[in-house]
Amino acid sequence: RELWQMVHELAGEGMLILWSTSYLDEAEQCRDVLLMNEGELLYQGEPKALTQTMAGRSFLMTSPHEGNRKLL
């Protein structure tokens, strides 16, 4: 909680905050998000717009290791 308070204060003062996360609840607190895969930019914009665009979709993630497949 204290960390997020500090981040919001610094951002409010105009500081650029670069935050890497795989948690949607953290990403939703950001003004803008970047979605990348293997260095390729897939999306840039507001987290709410990304959530609305992807609603109801599922994705199959593949891995060179056969046992690591997951349905997202």
Protein backbone atom coordinates (compact mmCIF):
# COMPACT_ATOMS: atom_id res chain seq x y z
CA ARG A 1 0.00 0.00 0.00
CA GLU A 2 2.80 2.41 0.88
CA LEU A 3 4.61 1.60 -2.36
CA TRP A 4 1.53 2.45 -4.44
CA GLN A 5 1.03 5.69 -2.51
CA MET A 6 4.62 6.69 -3.29
CA VAL A 7 4.22 5.73 -6.97
CA HIS A 8 1.02 7.79 -7.29
CA GLU A 9 2.66 10.78 -5.58
CA LEU A 10 5.68 10.68 -7.90
CA ALA A 11 3.48 10.28 -10.98
CA GLY A 12 1.35 13.20 -9.76
CA GLU A 13 4.52 15.31 -9.68
CA GLY A 14 5.11 14.50 -13.35
CA MET A 15 7.65 11.71 -12.96
CA LEU A 16 7.54 8.90 -15.52
CA ILE A 17 7.09 5.54 -13.81
CA LEU A 18 8.03 2.37 -15.69
CA TRP A 19 6.39 -0.66 -14.07
CA SER A 20 6.60 -4.24 -15.29
CA THR A 21 3.83 -6.56 -14.13
CA SER A 22 1.80 -9.58 -15.11
CA TYR A 23 -0.98 -8.68 -12.65
CA LEU A 24 -4.09 -7.07 -14.13
CA ASP A 25 -4.99 -5.26 -10.89
CA GLU A 26 -1.59 -3.52 -10.94
CA ALA A 27 -1.85 -2.65 -14.64
CA GLU A 28 -5.33 -1.16 -14.10
CA GLN A 29 -3.81 1.47 -11.80
CA CYS A 30 -1.65 2.80 -14.65
CA ARG A 31 -2.61 5.56 -17.05
CA ASP A 32 -1.16 3.70 -20.05
CA VAL A 33 0.06 0.15 -20.59
CA LEU A 34 2.26 -1.53 -23.17
CA LEU A 35 1.66 -5.18 -24.04
CA MET A 36 4.71 -6.84 -25.55
CA ASN A 37 5.62 -10.31 -26.78
CA GLU A 38 9.23 -11.22 -27.57
CA GLY A 39 10.12 -7.55 -28.01
CA GLU A 40 7.16 -6.81 -30.32
CA LEU A 41 4.70 -4.12 -29.21
CA LEU A 42 1.19 -5.58 -29.38
CA TYR A 43 -0.80 -2.83 -27.64
CA GLN A 44 -0.30 0.65 -26.22
CA GLY A 45 -3.04 2.60 -24.49
CA GLU A 46 -5.37 2.69 -21.52
CA PRO A 47 -5.75 -0.54 -19.55
CA LYS A 48 -9.55 -0.24 -19.62
CA ALA A 49 -9.57 -0.17 -23.44
CA LEU A 50 -7.35 -3.26 -23.55
CA THR A 51 -9.65 -5.11 -21.15
CA GLN A 52 -12.71 -4.19 -23.25
CA THR A 53 -10.98 -5.21 -26.49
CA MET A 54 -9.98 -8.61 -25.11
CA ALA A 55 -13.20 -9.41 -23.21
CA GLY A 56 -14.43 -12.93 -23.90
CA ARG A 57 -11.33 -14.01 -25.82
CA SER A 58 -8.95 -16.82 -24.93
CA PHE A 59 -5.40 -17.40 -26.10
CA LEU A 60 -3.25 -20.51 -26.38
CA MET A 61 0.30 -19.82 -25.28
CA THR A 62 2.90 -22.18 -26.70
CA SER A 63 6.35 -23.00 -25.42
CA PRO A 64 9.30 -24.86 -26.88
CA HIS A 65 8.83 -27.15 -23.87
CA GLU A 66 5.78 -29.25 -24.75
CA GLY A 67 4.60 -29.57 -21.14
CA ASN A 68 4.39 -25.80 -20.63
CA ARG A 69 1.27 -25.01 -22.69
CA LYS A 70 -1.45 -23.00 -21.00
CA LEU A 71 -4.87 -21.81 -22.11
CA LEU A 72 -5.38 -18.20 -21.07
